[in-house]
C-alpha atoms as a PDB file:
ATOM      1  CA  MET A   1       0.000   0.000   0.000  1.00  0.00           C
ATOM      2  CA  THR A   2       1.358   3.406  -0.975  1.00  0.00           C
ATOM      3  CA  PRO A   3       1.407   6.020   1.816  1.00  0.00           C
ATOM      4  CA  GLU A   4      -0.664   9.160   1.414  1.00  0.00           C
ATOM      5  CA  ARG A   5       1.473  12.124   0.285  1.00  0.00           C
ATOM      6  CA  ILE A   6       0.661  15.328   2.181  1.00  0.00           C
ATOM      7  CA  GLU A   7       1.824  18.784   1.097  1.00  0.00           C
ATOM      8  CA  ILE A   8       3.696  20.924   3.616  1.00  0.00           C
ATOM      9  CA  VAL A   9       2.455  24.424   2.843  1.00  0.00           C
ATOM     10  CA  LEU A  10       3.543  27.790   4.233  1.00  0.00           C
ATOM     11  CA  PRO A  11       0.373  28.944   6.014  1.00  0.00           C
ATOM     12  CA  GLU A  12      -0.949  32.480   6.080  1.00  0.00           C
ATOM     13  CA  MET A  13       1.165  34.609   8.363  1.00  0.00           C
ATOM     14  CA  GLY A  14      -0.527  37.980   7.895  1.00  0.00           C
ATOM     15  CA  MET A  15       2.719  39.374   6.470  1.00  0.00           C
ATOM     16  CA  THR A  16       1.717  39.820   2.851  1.00  0.00           C
ATOM     17  CA  SER A  17       3.571  43.127   2.550  1.00  0.00           C
ATOM     18  CA  GLU A  18       6.777  41.726   4.083  1.00  0.00           C
ATOM     19  CA  LYS A  19       9.452  39.635   2.429  1.00  0.00           C
ATOM     20  CA  ILE A  20       9.401  36.057   3.792  1.00  0.00           C
ATOM     21  CA  VAL A  21      12.548  33.935   3.508  1.00  0.00           C
ATOM     22  CA  PHE A  22      12.668  30.192   4.099  1.00  0.00           C
ATOM     23  CA  SER A  23      15.473  29.645   6.642  1.00  0.00           C
ATOM     24  CA  ARG A  24      15.852  25.947   7.288  1.00  0.00           C
ATOM     25  CA  TRP A  25      14.322  22.564   7.837  1.00  0.00           C
ATOM     26  CA  LEU A  26      14.424  21.331  11.420  1.00  0.00           C
ATOM     27  CA  LYS A  27      13.984  17.712  10.269  1.00  0.00           C
ATOM     28  CA  ASN A  28      15.818  15.720   7.596  1.00  0.00           C
ATOM     29  CA  VAL A  29      14.349  13.763   4.693  1.00  0.00           C
ATOM     30  CA  GLY A  30      13.542  10.301   6.042  1.00  0.00           C
ATOM     31  CA  ASP A  31      12.868  11.520   9.592  1.00  0.00           C
ATOM     32  CA  PHE A  32       9.559  10.612  11.203  1.00  0.00           C
ATOM     33  CA  VAL A  33       7.657  13.742  12.202  1.00  0.00           C
ATOM     34  CA  ASN A  34       4.898  13.765  14.800  1.00  0.00           C
ATOM     35  CA  GLU A  35       2.005  16.173  14.485  1.00  0.00           C
ATOM     36  CA  ASP A  36       2.999  19.390  16.326  1.00  0.00           C
ATOM     37  CA  ASP A  37       6.768  18.726  16.001  1.00  0.00           C
ATOM     38  CA  GLU A  38       8.663  21.815  14.887  1.00  0.00           C
ATOM     39  CA  ILE A  39       9.544  21.164  11.252  1.00  0.00           C
ATOM     40  CA  PHE A  40      10.781  24.376   9.552  1.00  0.00           C
ATOM     41  CA  GLU A  41      11.422  28.061  10.100  1.00  0.00           C
ATOM     42  CA  VAL A  42      11.039  31.208   8.048  1.00  0.00           C
ATOM     43  CA  GLU A  43      12.219  34.756   8.593  1.00  0.00           C
ATOM     44  CA  SER A  44      10.689  38.124   7.857  1.00  0.00           C
ATOM     45  CA  ASP A  45      11.950  41.635   8.478  1.00  0.00           C
ATOM     46  CA  LYS A  46      10.438  41.501  11.951  1.00  0.00           C
ATOM     47  CA  ALA A  47      10.662  37.912  13.222  1.00  0.00           C
ATOM     48  CA  THR A  48      11.817  34.340  12.866  1.00  0.00           C
ATOM     49  CA  VAL A  49       8.829  31.997  12.951  1.00  0.00           C
ATOM     50  CA  VAL A  50       8.989  28.256  13.612  1.00  0.00           C
ATOM     51  CA  PHE A  51       6.191  26.071  12.229  1.00  0.00           C
ATOM     52  CA  ALA A  52       4.917  22.758  13.510  1.00  0.00           C
ATOM     53  CA  ALA A  53       3.809  19.830  11.390  1.00  0.00           C
ATOM     54  CA  GLU A  54       0.064  19.621  10.886  1.00  0.00           C
ATOM     55  CA  HIS A  55       0.231  15.840  10.332  1.00  0.00           C
ATOM     56  CA  SER A  56       2.400  12.913  11.360  1.00  0.00           C
ATOM     57  CA  GLY A  57       4.497  11.061   8.817  1.00  0.00           C
ATOM     58  CA  VAL A  58       7.907  10.733   7.222  1.00  0.00           C
ATOM     59  CA  LEU A  59       9.481  13.820   5.661  1.00  0.00           C
ATOM     60  CA  ALA A  60       9.618  12.440   2.131  1.00  0.00           C
ATOM     61  CA  GLU A  61      10.722  15.384   0.009  1.00  0.00           C
ATOM     62  CA  VAL A  62      11.792  18.988   0.390  1.00  0.00           C
ATOM     63  CA  VAL A  63      10.935  21.362  -2.434  1.00  0.00           C
ATOM     64  CA  VAL A  64      12.368  24.531  -0.901  1.00  0.00           C
ATOM     65  CA  ARG A  65      15.746  24.595   0.835  1.00  0.00           C
ATOM     66  CA  GLU A  66      16.237  28.352   1.130  1.00  0.00           C
ATOM     67  CA  GLY A  67      15.151  31.641  -0.373  1.00  0.00           C
ATOM     68  CA  ASP A  68      12.086  33.785  -0.824  1.00  0.00           C
ATOM     69  CA  VAL A  69       8.706  32.143  -0.321  1.00  0.00           C
ATOM     70  CA  LYS A  70       5.132  33.318  -0.071  1.00  0.00           C
ATOM     71  CA  GLU A  71       2.077  32.167   1.815  1.00  0.00           C
ATOM     72  CA  GLY A  72       0.571  29.092   0.184  1.00  0.00           C
ATOM     73  CA  ASP A  73       3.851  27.820  -1.328  1.00  0.00           C
ATOM     74  CA  VAL A  74       4.426  24.059  -1.135  1.00  0.00           C
ATOM     75  CA  LEU A  75       7.664  23.585   0.804  1.00  0.00           C
ATOM     76  CA  GLY A  76       7.820  19.807   0.910  1.00  0.00           C
ATOM     77  CA  TYR A  77       5.902  16.562   1.374  1.00  0.00           C
ATOM     78  CA  LEU A  78       5.160  14.108   4.160  1.00  0.00           C
ATOM     79  CA  ASP A  79       4.295  10.481   3.598  1.00  0.00           C
ATOM     80  CA  ALA A  80       1.536   9.698   6.117  1.00  0.00           C
ATOM     81  CA  ARG A  81       1.755   6.322   7.802  1.00  0.00           C
END
């Protein structure tokens, strides 16, 4: 059975006028991630924000490693187990 692939999306941050930069992944590809584990961080002009996983699963793929991002961008994928 193939695991369900879940998008990891940058949620709305209310910073649409600010530049948002993807900083780093806090987990590695292949790591199991529990729901609510801190998984990545982004930076704006005003703050560094750490995001938690919305689902449990294995970090299967990262799409973004660094650079400018915007709300709604797909950053990577989890394989749900």
